[in-house]
């Protein structure tokens, strides 16, 4: 059995992100990692970005496994090469991905981050802060 964990709900300045939380997958199957979001400002498909990260159970450092900005950018190397596919719809507020033929080594924590620049705000001392996680 393969396990994945992701945070269930996080709210930061106008954007909410929802994931499936902890889930299981059978070794060798395709698995959808669901990530949906709500934003308090209009979505601009030219500027919104989605990033997925992975932290294996055996390591502390998170690695990037997928990026979306106007189009999907699957990983070009590493263990997720040719295994991560975009399954989302930005205008439908869906940032989900599919991991094909999961392996035991994919056990760990997956992080979905969505940045919608209209949800950014300027603060005098800290500069520009964007709502994402």
Protein backbone atom coordinates (compact mmCIF):
# COMPACT_ATOMS: atom_id res chain seq x y z
CA UNK A 1 0.00 0.00 0.00
CA UNK A 2 1.17 3.52 -0.81
CA UNK A 3 0.21 6.47 1.39
CA UNK A 4 0.08 10.19 0.77
CA UNK A 5 -0.66 12.95 3.20
CA UNK A 6 -1.68 16.53 2.55
CA UNK A 7 -3.14 19.28 4.66
CA UNK A 8 -6.93 19.42 4.67
CA UNK A 9 -7.67 23.17 4.72
CA UNK A 10 -5.53 26.25 4.83
CA UNK A 11 -6.67 29.84 4.58
CA UNK A 12 -4.34 32.73 3.90
CA UNK A 13 -5.52 36.24 2.84
CA UNK A 14 -8.36 35.56 0.43
CA UNK A 15 -7.52 32.09 -0.87
CA UNK A 16 -8.55 28.72 0.54
CA UNK A 17 -7.06 25.43 -0.58
CA UNK A 18 -8.70 22.06 -0.07
CA UNK A 19 -7.04 18.66 -0.41
CA UNK A 20 -8.10 15.09 0.19
CA UNK A 21 -5.97 14.82 3.31
CA UNK A 22 -4.49 11.40 4.00
CA UNK A 23 -5.11 8.82 1.31
CA UNK A 24 -4.01 5.37 0.20
CA UNK A 25 -3.19 3.97 -3.22
CA UNK A 26 -2.36 0.50 -4.46
CA UNK A 27 1.18 0.08 -5.77
CA UNK A 28 1.23 0.34 -9.59
CA UNK A 29 -2.08 2.20 -9.94
CA UNK A 30 -2.79 5.76 -11.05
CA UNK A 31 -3.80 8.10 -8.23
CA UNK A 32 -5.45 11.52 -8.35
CA UNK A 33 -4.18 14.03 -5.79
CA UNK A 34 -7.09 16.42 -5.45
CA UNK A 35 -6.51 20.10 -4.82
CA UNK A 36 -9.27 22.67 -5.18
CA UNK A 37 -9.30 26.31 -4.17
CA UNK A 38 -11.52 29.28 -3.49
CA UNK A 39 -10.36 32.82 -4.06
CA UNK A 40 -11.96 36.11 -3.15
CA UNK A 41 -10.68 37.84 -6.29
CA UNK A 42 -11.15 37.08 -10.01
CA UNK A 43 -8.87 34.46 -11.52
CA UNK A 44 -6.49 35.64 -14.21
CA UNK A 45 -5.39 32.51 -16.12
CA UNK A 46 -2.27 34.40 -17.29
CA UNK A 47 -0.90 34.95 -13.78
CA UNK A 48 -2.23 32.22 -11.47
CA UNK A 49 0.30 29.50 -10.63
CA UNK A 50 0.12 26.05 -9.07
CA UNK A 51 3.05 24.18 -7.59
CA UNK A 52 3.13 20.67 -6.16
CA UNK A 53 5.86 19.54 -3.80
CA UNK A 54 6.78 16.16 -2.35
CA UNK A 55 8.52 15.36 0.94
CA UNK A 56 9.46 11.66 1.18
CA UNK A 57 9.18 9.87 4.49
CA UNK A 58 12.94 9.31 4.52
CA UNK A 59 14.06 12.90 3.80
CA UNK A 60 13.29 16.27 5.31
CA UNK A 61 13.71 18.37 2.16
CA UNK A 62 10.70 18.97 -0.07
CA UNK A 63 11.22 18.70 -3.83
CA UNK A 64 9.14 20.23 -6.61
CA UNK A 65 7.29 17.65 -8.70
CA UNK A 66 4.94 19.76 -10.82
CA UNK A 67 4.28 23.36 -11.85
CA UNK A 68 1.45 25.07 -13.74
CA UNK A 69 1.55 28.58 -15.16
CA UNK A 70 -0.66 29.08 -18.23
CA UNK A 71 0.14 25.44 -19.09
CA UNK A 72 1.34 22.31 -17.25
CA UNK A 73 5.05 21.81 -16.61
CA UNK A 74 5.56 18.18 -15.54
CA UNK A 75 8.97 17.20 -14.13
CA UNK A 76 11.70 16.66 -16.72
CA UNK A 77 13.85 14.48 -14.47
CA UNK A 78 13.78 12.63 -11.17
CA UNK A 79 11.52 9.85 -9.91
CA UNK A 80 8.29 11.58 -11.02
CA UNK A 81 9.43 12.11 -14.64
CA UNK A 82 6.67 10.97 -17.03
CA UNK A 83 4.49 10.05 -14.03
CA UNK A 84 2.76 13.33 -13.10
CA UNK A 85 -0.09 14.64 -15.25
CA UNK A 86 -2.23 17.75 -14.92
CA UNK A 87 -5.83 16.87 -14.04
CA UNK A 88 -6.97 20.34 -13.04
CA UNK A 89 -9.00 23.18 -14.49
CA UNK A 90 -7.89 26.62 -13.32
CA UNK A 91 -11.15 28.36 -14.19
CA UNK A 92 -12.99 25.55 -12.39
CA UNK A 93 -10.74 26.20 -9.35
CA UNK A 94 -9.18 22.75 -9.59
CA UNK A 95 -5.40 22.25 -9.27
CA UNK A 96 -5.38 18.44 -9.11
CA UNK A 97 -2.72 16.15 -10.56
CA UNK A 98 -2.53 12.44 -11.33
CA UNK A 99 0.47 10.34 -10.39
CA UNK A 100 0.75 7.36 -12.72
CA UNK A 101 1.85 3.91 -11.58
CA UNK A 102 2.61 4.88 -7.98
CA UNK A 103 5.53 3.21 -6.23
CA UNK A 104 6.25 2.51 -2.57
CA UNK A 105 8.96 5.18 -2.75
CA UNK A 106 6.20 7.76 -3.32
CA UNK A 107 5.11 7.49 0.32
CA UNK A 108 5.27 10.94 1.86
CA UNK A 109 3.63 14.33 2.06
CA UNK A 110 2.44 16.21 -1.00
CA UNK A 111 1.88 19.97 -0.94
CA UNK A 112 -0.37 21.90 -3.30
CA UNK A 113 0.36 25.63 -3.52
CA UNK A 114 -1.80 28.08 -5.45
CA UNK A 115 -0.81 31.70 -6.06
CA UNK A 116 -3.38 34.12 -7.40
CA UNK A 117 -1.62 37.51 -7.60
CA UNK A 118 -4.79 39.51 -7.03
CA UNK A 119 -4.75 37.90 -3.58
CA UNK A 120 -1.43 39.61 -2.86
CA UNK A 121 -1.27 42.63 -0.64
CA UNK A 122 1.41 45.22 -0.03
CA UNK A 123 2.59 45.82 3.50
CA UNK A 124 4.87 48.80 4.26
CA UNK A 125 7.54 46.92 6.23
CA UNK A 126 7.42 43.48 4.70
CA UNK A 127 7.03 44.30 1.01
CA UNK A 128 4.70 42.25 -1.13
CA UNK A 129 3.11 39.12 0.37
CA UNK A 130 1.11 36.67 -1.71
CA UNK A 131 -1.63 34.38 -0.48
CA UNK A 132 -0.63 30.79 -1.13
CA UNK A 133 -0.02 27.39 0.45
